[in-house]
């Protein structure tokens, strides 16, 4: 386990990434880097006016995750990260551009910056993808009741899920573990969490 430095949890909005990240950090005694959703100065504005704030939001997330990865690789402890730098560039920014919510000028600028940043960092040693259907995502989003997510359209969520599936099917940056989360309740059911731990242990033992 000492050889593992960077673990990341990926998944759509409402997939359970933050909850699983917290639980795995406690179980394995990993440090944790969360996605910035509490102090992010653009997130609420983005959900109110996606076209106006899409570029600002994506640049903020890109900078934040780039900083996280640099700290992880320069640190001494194993760290689990809530969402990766790749998801911004492969999922969210292209989706906003396709939906006409980010201009081609901003999108091209963003992708150019991402290319430069991603060339300076290493991918996670292990990527854990939480795979969820749309009904499960909607259930989770409604349960947690974040005000700024109330205006999110179902179409937006569906498009993100399609892009996640496409990205994961061609993921080549490193080691990947897919966890189907539709029939799990790892937050409240210790047996379900145990099943995830078994999968992760088996994957890590196979890597190292």
C-alpha atoms as a PDB file:
ATOM      1  CA  UNK A   1       0.000   0.000   0.000  1.00  0.00           C
ATOM      2  CA  UNK A   2       3.026   2.296   0.565  1.00  0.00           C
ATOM      3  CA  UNK A   3       3.639   2.432  -3.192  1.00  0.00           C
ATOM      4  CA  UNK A   4       0.270   4.062  -3.830  1.00  0.00           C
ATOM      5  CA  UNK A   5       0.494   7.862  -3.939  1.00  0.00           C
ATOM      6  CA  UNK A   6      -2.511   9.283  -5.805  1.00  0.00           C
ATOM      7  CA  UNK A   7      -6.015   7.768  -5.848  1.00  0.00           C
ATOM      8  CA  UNK A   8      -8.904   9.608  -7.494  1.00  0.00           C
ATOM      9  CA  UNK A   9     -12.677   9.110  -7.509  1.00  0.00           C
ATOM     10  CA  UNK A  10     -14.499  10.091 -10.700  1.00  0.00           C
ATOM     11  CA  UNK A  11     -18.186  10.238 -11.519  1.00  0.00           C
ATOM     12  CA  UNK A  12     -21.095  12.373 -12.566  1.00  0.00           C
ATOM     13  CA  UNK A  13     -22.846  14.938 -10.373  1.00  0.00           C
ATOM     14  CA  UNK A  14     -24.665  12.991  -7.660  1.00  0.00           C
ATOM     15  CA  UNK A  15     -22.749   9.735  -8.149  1.00  0.00           C
ATOM     16  CA  UNK A  16     -21.543   9.684  -4.536  1.00  0.00           C
ATOM     17  CA  UNK A  17     -17.921  10.722  -5.112  1.00  0.00           C
ATOM     18  CA  UNK A  18     -17.492  12.907  -2.050  1.00  0.00           C
ATOM     19  CA  UNK A  19     -19.110  10.407   0.310  1.00  0.00           C
ATOM     20  CA  UNK A  20     -17.007   7.535  -1.008  1.00  0.00           C
ATOM     21  CA  UNK A  21     -13.865   9.687  -0.937  1.00  0.00           C
ATOM     22  CA  UNK A  22     -14.451  10.498   2.731  1.00  0.00           C
ATOM     23  CA  UNK A  23     -15.112   6.868   3.661  1.00  0.00           C
ATOM     24  CA  UNK A  24     -12.089   5.524   1.789  1.00  0.00           C
ATOM     25  CA  UNK A  25      -9.850   8.191   3.326  1.00  0.00           C
ATOM     26  CA  UNK A  26     -10.898   7.057   6.803  1.00  0.00           C
ATOM     27  CA  UNK A  27     -10.595   3.365   5.999  1.00  0.00           C
ATOM     28  CA  UNK A  28      -7.142   3.497   4.395  1.00  0.00           C
ATOM     29  CA  UNK A  29      -5.844   6.489   6.405  1.00  0.00           C
ATOM     30  CA  UNK A  30      -5.290   8.466   3.215  1.00  0.00           C
ATOM     31  CA  UNK A  31      -5.175  12.240   3.110  1.00  0.00           C
ATOM     32  CA  UNK A  32      -7.975  13.759   1.055  1.00  0.00           C
ATOM     33  CA  UNK A  33      -8.426  16.543  -1.491  1.00  0.00           C
ATOM     34  CA  UNK A  34     -12.037  17.537  -2.064  1.00  0.00           C
ATOM     35  CA  UNK A  35     -13.610  19.288  -5.003  1.00  0.00           C
ATOM     36  CA  UNK A  36     -14.184  22.925  -4.080  1.00  0.00           C
ATOM     37  CA  UNK A  37     -17.966  23.311  -3.977  1.00  0.00           C
ATOM     38  CA  UNK A  38     -18.318  25.258  -0.721  1.00  0.00           C
ATOM     39  CA  UNK A  39     -16.039  28.269  -1.347  1.00  0.00           C
ATOM     40  CA  UNK A  40     -16.164  28.214  -5.160  1.00  0.00           C
ATOM     41  CA  UNK A  41     -17.096  31.808  -6.135  1.00  0.00           C
ATOM     42  CA  UNK A  42     -18.673  30.821  -9.472  1.00  0.00           C
ATOM     43  CA  UNK A  43     -20.733  27.696  -8.812  1.00  0.00           C
ATOM     44  CA  UNK A  44     -24.056  29.229  -7.764  1.00  0.00           C
ATOM     45  CA  UNK A  45     -23.854  31.865 -10.491  1.00  0.00           C
ATOM     46  CA  UNK A  46     -23.080  29.173 -13.063  1.00  0.00           C
ATOM     47  CA  UNK A  47     -26.273  27.233 -12.369  1.00  0.00           C
ATOM     48  CA  UNK A  48     -28.269  30.454 -12.674  1.00  0.00           C
ATOM     49  CA  UNK A  49     -26.620  31.535 -15.944  1.00  0.00           C
ATOM     50  CA  UNK A  50     -24.472  28.797 -17.495  1.00  0.00           C
ATOM     51  CA  UNK A  51     -23.640  30.735 -20.645  1.00  0.00           C
ATOM     52  CA  UNK A  52     -22.265  33.717 -18.733  1.00  0.00           C
ATOM     53  CA  UNK A  53     -20.218  31.813 -16.151  1.00  0.00           C
ATOM     54  CA  UNK A  54     -19.186  28.539 -17.844  1.00  0.00           C
ATOM     55  CA  UNK A  55     -15.676  29.640 -18.817  1.00  0.00           C
ATOM     56  CA  UNK A  56     -14.993  31.230 -15.430  1.00  0.00           C
ATOM     57  CA  UNK A  57     -16.145  28.115 -13.607  1.00  0.00           C
ATOM     58  CA  UNK A  58     -14.101  25.727 -15.726  1.00  0.00           C
ATOM     59  CA  UNK A  59     -10.933  27.811 -15.372  1.00  0.00           C
ATOM     60  CA  UNK A  60     -11.445  27.923 -11.606  1.00  0.00           C
ATOM     61  CA  UNK A  61     -11.819  24.128 -11.401  1.00  0.00           C
ATOM     62  CA  UNK A  62      -8.863  23.552 -13.728  1.00  0.00           C
ATOM     63  CA  UNK A  63      -6.600  25.741 -11.623  1.00  0.00           C
ATOM     64  CA  UNK A  64      -7.839  24.173  -8.380  1.00  0.00           C
ATOM     65  CA  UNK A  65      -7.279  20.580  -9.528  1.00  0.00           C
ATOM     66  CA  UNK A  66      -3.908  21.367 -11.093  1.00  0.00           C
ATOM     67  CA  UNK A  67      -2.807  22.792  -7.748  1.00  0.00           C
ATOM     68  CA  UNK A  68      -4.110  19.687  -5.960  1.00  0.00           C
ATOM     69  CA  UNK A  69      -2.213  17.278  -8.216  1.00  0.00           C
ATOM     70  CA  UNK A  70       1.042  19.202  -7.792  1.00  0.00           C
ATOM     71  CA  UNK A  71       0.673  19.069  -4.012  1.00  0.00           C
ATOM     72  CA  UNK A  72      -0.169  15.360  -4.095  1.00  0.00           C
ATOM     73  CA  UNK A  73       2.900  14.465  -6.154  1.00  0.00           C
ATOM     74  CA  UNK A  74       5.202  16.691  -4.110  1.00  0.00           C
ATOM     75  CA  UNK A  75       3.883  15.402  -0.786  1.00  0.00           C
ATOM     76  CA  UNK A  76       4.865  12.337   1.187  1.00  0.00           C
ATOM     77  CA  UNK A  77       1.468  10.756   1.921  1.00  0.00           C
ATOM     78  CA  UNK A  78      -1.053   8.844  -0.138  1.00  0.00           C
ATOM     79  CA  UNK A  79      -3.922  11.145  -1.125  1.00  0.00           C
ATOM     80  CA  UNK A  80      -7.396  10.432  -2.477  1.00  0.00           C
ATOM     81  CA  UNK A  81      -8.827  13.141  -4.730  1.00  0.00           C
ATOM     82  CA  UNK A  82     -12.492  13.948  -5.291  1.00  0.00           C
ATOM     83  CA  UNK A  83     -12.739  14.242  -9.118  1.00  0.00           C
ATOM     84  CA  UNK A  84      -9.818  14.513 -11.552  1.00  0.00           C
ATOM     85  CA  UNK A  85      -8.342  17.193 -13.778  1.00  0.00           C
ATOM     86  CA  UNK A  86      -9.355  15.099 -16.809  1.00  0.00           C
ATOM     87  CA  UNK A  87     -13.079  15.293 -16.112  1.00  0.00           C
ATOM     88  CA  UNK A  88     -13.144  19.053 -16.551  1.00  0.00           C
ATOM     89  CA  UNK A  89     -11.562  18.851 -19.997  1.00  0.00           C
ATOM     90  CA  UNK A  90     -13.143  15.616 -21.254  1.00  0.00           C
ATOM     91  CA  UNK A  91     -16.618  15.935 -19.770  1.00  0.00           C
ATOM     92  CA  UNK A  92     -17.743  19.341 -18.556  1.00  0.00           C
ATOM     93  CA  UNK A  93     -16.080  21.867 -20.872  1.00  0.00           C
ATOM     94  CA  UNK A  94     -16.865  19.926 -24.106  1.00  0.00           C
ATOM     95  CA  UNK A  95     -20.437  19.434 -22.965  1.00  0.00           C
ATOM     96  CA  UNK A  96     -20.872  23.146 -22.301  1.00  0.00           C
ATOM     97  CA  UNK A  97     -19.381  23.940 -25.700  1.00  0.00           C
ATOM     98  CA  UNK A  98     -21.637  21.446 -27.492  1.00  0.00           C
ATOM     99  CA  UNK A  99     -24.713  22.852 -25.754  1.00  0.00           C
ATOM    100  CA  UNK A 100     -23.795  26.376 -26.852  1.00  0.00           C
ATOM    101  CA  UNK A 101     -23.071  27.418 -23.275  1.00  0.00           C
ATOM    102  CA  UNK A 102     -19.374  28.100 -23.901  1.00  0.00           C
ATOM    103  CA  UNK A 103     -18.129  29.949 -26.982  1.00  0.00           C
ATOM    104  CA  UNK A 104     -15.655  28.313 -29.356  1.00  0.00           C
ATOM    105  CA  UNK A 105     -13.138  31.031 -28.502  1.00  0.00           C
ATOM    106  CA  UNK A 106     -13.349  30.281 -24.776  1.00  0.00           C
ATOM    107  CA  UNK A 107     -13.389  26.518 -25.328  1.00  0.00           C
ATOM    108  CA  UNK A 108     -10.284  26.582 -27.534  1.00  0.00           C
ATOM    109  CA  UNK A 109      -8.508  28.744 -24.976  1.00  0.00           C
ATOM    110  CA  UNK A 110      -9.514  26.371 -22.194  1.00  0.00           C
ATOM    111  CA  UNK A 111      -8.376  23.226 -24.035  1.00  0.00           C
ATOM    112  CA  UNK A 112      -5.038  24.841 -24.873  1.00  0.00           C
ATOM    113  CA  UNK A 113      -4.471  25.678 -21.217  1.00  0.00           C
ATOM    114  CA  UNK A 114      -5.536  22.188 -20.138  1.00  0.00           C
ATOM    115  CA  UNK A 115      -3.068  20.633 -22.581  1.00  0.00           C
ATOM    116  CA  UNK A 116      -0.231  22.637 -21.079  1.00  0.00           C
ATOM    117  CA  UNK A 117      -1.224  21.878 -17.490  1.00  0.00           C
ATOM    118  CA  UNK A 118      -1.901  18.169 -18.020  1.00  0.00           C
ATOM    119  CA  UNK A 119       1.522  17.721 -19.634  1.00  0.00           C
ATOM    120  CA  UNK A 120       3.084  18.840 -16.349  1.00  0.00           C
ATOM    121  CA  UNK A 121       1.327  16.323 -14.069  1.00  0.00           C
ATOM    122  CA  UNK A 122       1.019  12.564 -13.707  1.00  0.00           C
ATOM    123  CA  UNK A 123      -2.313  10.704 -13.799  1.00  0.00           C
ATOM    124  CA  UNK A 124      -3.671   8.978 -10.675  1.00  0.00           C
ATOM    125  CA  UNK A 125      -2.091   5.665  -9.706  1.00  0.00           C
ATOM    126  CA  UNK A 126      -5.656   4.375  -9.436  1.00  0.00           C
ATOM    127  CA  UNK A 127      -8.845   5.906 -10.810  1.00  0.00           C
ATOM    128  CA  UNK A 128     -12.108   4.720  -9.240  1.00  0.00           C
ATOM    129  CA  UNK A 129     -15.130   5.442 -11.434  1.00  0.00           C
ATOM    130  CA  UNK A 130     -18.559   5.487  -9.770  1.00  0.00           C
ATOM    131  CA  UNK A 131     -20.980   4.442 -12.486  1.00  0.00           C
ATOM    132  CA  UNK A 132     -24.606   5.543 -11.957  1.00  0.00           C
ATOM    133  CA  UNK A 133     -27.809   5.617 -13.968  1.00  0.00           C
ATOM    134  CA  UNK A 134     -29.760   8.862 -14.343  1.00  0.00           C
ATOM    135  CA  UNK A 135     -32.504   7.874 -11.830  1.00  0.00           C
ATOM    136  CA  UNK A 136     -29.861   7.147  -9.188  1.00  0.00           C
ATOM    137  CA  UNK A 137     -28.089  10.439  -9.847  1.00  0.00           C
ATOM    138  CA  UNK A 138     -31.371  12.363  -9.564  1.00  0.00           C
ATOM    139  CA  UNK A 139     -32.204  10.558  -6.311  1.00  0.00           C
ATOM    140  CA  UNK A 140     -28.857  11.508  -4.790  1.00  0.00           C
ATOM    141  CA  UNK A 141     -29.088  15.128  -5.959  1.00  0.00           C
ATOM    142  CA  UNK A 142     -32.589  15.544  -4.532  1.00  0.00           C
ATOM    143  CA  UNK A 143     -31.574  13.912  -1.243  1.00  0.00           C
ATOM    144  CA  UNK A 144     -28.646  16.239  -0.588  1.00  0.00           C
ATOM    145  CA  UNK A 145     -30.750  19.311  -1.445  1.00  0.00           C
ATOM    146  CA  UNK A 146     -28.118  21.782  -2.636  1.00  0.00           C
ATOM    147  CA  UNK A 147     -29.927  24.963  -3.655  1.00  0.00           C
ATOM    148  CA  UNK A 148     -27.689  25.723  -6.625  1.00  0.00           C
ATOM    149  CA  UNK A 149     -28.388  22.290  -8.138  1.00  0.00           C
ATOM    150  CA  UNK A 150     -32.132  22.870  -8.139  1.00  0.00           C
ATOM    151  CA  UNK A 151     -32.062  24.541 -11.553  1.00  0.00           C
ATOM    152  CA  UNK A 152     -30.028  21.764 -13.204  1.00  0.00           C
ATOM    153  CA  UNK A 153     -31.859  20.264 -16.186  1.00  0.00           C
ATOM    154  CA  UNK A 154     -32.283  16.542 -16.697  1.00  0.00           C
ATOM    155  CA  UNK A 155     -30.931  16.942 -20.226  1.00  0.00           C
ATOM    156  CA  UNK A 156     -27.720  18.463 -18.862  1.00  0.00           C
ATOM    157  CA  UNK A 157     -27.292  15.501 -16.502  1.00  0.00           C
ATOM    158  CA  UNK A 158     -27.945  12.985 -19.298  1.00  0.00           C
ATOM    159  CA  UNK A 159     -25.383  14.576 -21.584  1.00  0.00           C
ATOM    160  CA  UNK A 160     -22.790  14.470 -18.821  1.00  0.00           C
ATOM    161  CA  UNK A 161     -23.484  10.795 -18.200  1.00  0.00           C
ATOM    162  CA  UNK A 162     -23.046   9.987 -21.882  1.00  0.00           C
ATOM    163  CA  UNK A 163     -19.709  11.792 -21.915  1.00  0.00           C
ATOM    164  CA  UNK A 164     -18.581   9.969 -18.786  1.00  0.00           C
ATOM    165  CA  UNK A 165     -19.307   6.615 -20.378  1.00  0.00           C
ATOM    166  CA  UNK A 166     -17.452   7.600 -23.532  1.00  0.00           C
ATOM    167  CA  UNK A 167     -14.450   8.889 -21.555  1.00  0.00           C
ATOM    168  CA  UNK A 168     -14.187   5.843 -19.298  1.00  0.00           C
ATOM    169  CA  UNK A 169     -14.483   3.419 -22.218  1.00  0.00           C
ATOM    170  CA  UNK A 170     -11.334   4.929 -23.734  1.00  0.00           C
ATOM    171  CA  UNK A 171      -9.433   5.840 -20.540  1.00  0.00           C
ATOM    172  CA  UNK A 172      -5.728   5.101 -21.060  1.00  0.00           C
ATOM    173  CA  UNK A 173      -4.006   7.349 -18.533  1.00  0.00           C
ATOM    174  CA  UNK A 174      -3.578   4.647 -15.896  1.00  0.00           C
ATOM    175  CA  UNK A 175      -5.214   1.970 -13.770  1.00  0.00           C
ATOM    176  CA  UNK A 176      -9.006   2.000 -13.646  1.00  0.00           C
ATOM    177  CA  UNK A 177     -11.573   0.398 -11.341  1.00  0.00           C
ATOM    178  CA  UNK A 178     -15.271   0.737 -12.257  1.00  0.00           C
ATOM    179  CA  UNK A 179     -17.820   0.430  -9.447  1.00  0.00           C
ATOM    180  CA  UNK A 180     -21.473   0.064 -10.418  1.00  0.00           C
ATOM    181  CA  UNK A 181     -23.305   2.119  -7.807  1.00  0.00           C
ATOM    182  CA  UNK A 182     -26.965   1.726  -8.795  1.00  0.00           C
ATOM    183  CA  UNK A 183     -27.685  -1.080  -6.340  1.00  0.00           C
ATOM    184  CA  UNK A 184     -25.286  -0.064  -3.570  1.00  0.00           C
ATOM    185  CA  UNK A 185     -25.844   2.029  -0.452  1.00  0.00           C
ATOM    186  CA  UNK A 186     -22.280   2.155   0.826  1.00  0.00           C
ATOM    187  CA  UNK A 187     -23.016   5.165   3.020  1.00  0.00           C
ATOM    188  CA  UNK A 188     -25.581   3.343   5.180  1.00  0.00           C
ATOM    189  CA  UNK A 189     -24.850  -0.336   4.538  1.00  0.00           C
ATOM    190  CA  UNK A 190     -21.490  -1.655   5.842  1.00  0.00           C
ATOM    191  CA  UNK A 191     -21.790  -4.764   3.655  1.00  0.00           C
ATOM    192  CA  UNK A 192     -21.998  -2.646   0.505  1.00  0.00           C
ATOM    193  CA  UNK A 193     -18.976  -0.626   1.614  1.00  0.00           C
ATOM    194  CA  UNK A 194     -17.173  -3.887   2.318  1.00  0.00           C
ATOM    195  CA  UNK A 195     -17.799  -5.016  -1.257  1.00  0.00           C
ATOM    196  CA  UNK A 196     -16.140  -1.847  -2.530  1.00  0.00           C
ATOM    197  CA  UNK A 197     -13.165  -2.348  -0.203  1.00  0.00           C
ATOM    198  CA  UNK A 198     -12.748  -5.900  -1.509  1.00  0.00           C
ATOM    199  CA  UNK A 199     -12.649  -4.613  -5.080  1.00  0.00           C
ATOM    200  CA  UNK A 200     -10.142  -1.890  -4.243  1.00  0.00           C
ATOM    201  CA  UNK A 201      -7.918  -4.241  -2.224  1.00  0.00           C
ATOM    202  CA  UNK A 202      -7.921  -6.743  -5.057  1.00  0.00           C
ATOM    203  CA  UNK A 203      -7.067  -4.068  -7.575  1.00  0.00           C
ATOM    204  CA  UNK A 204      -4.275  -2.595  -5.469  1.00  0.00           C
ATOM    205  CA  UNK A 205      -2.783  -6.015  -4.760  1.00  0.00           C
ATOM    206  CA  UNK A 206      -2.782  -6.679  -8.469  1.00  0.00           C
ATOM    207  CA  UNK A 207      -0.969  -3.389  -9.128  1.00  0.00           C
ATOM    208  CA  UNK A 208       1.676  -3.696  -6.472  1.00  0.00           C
END
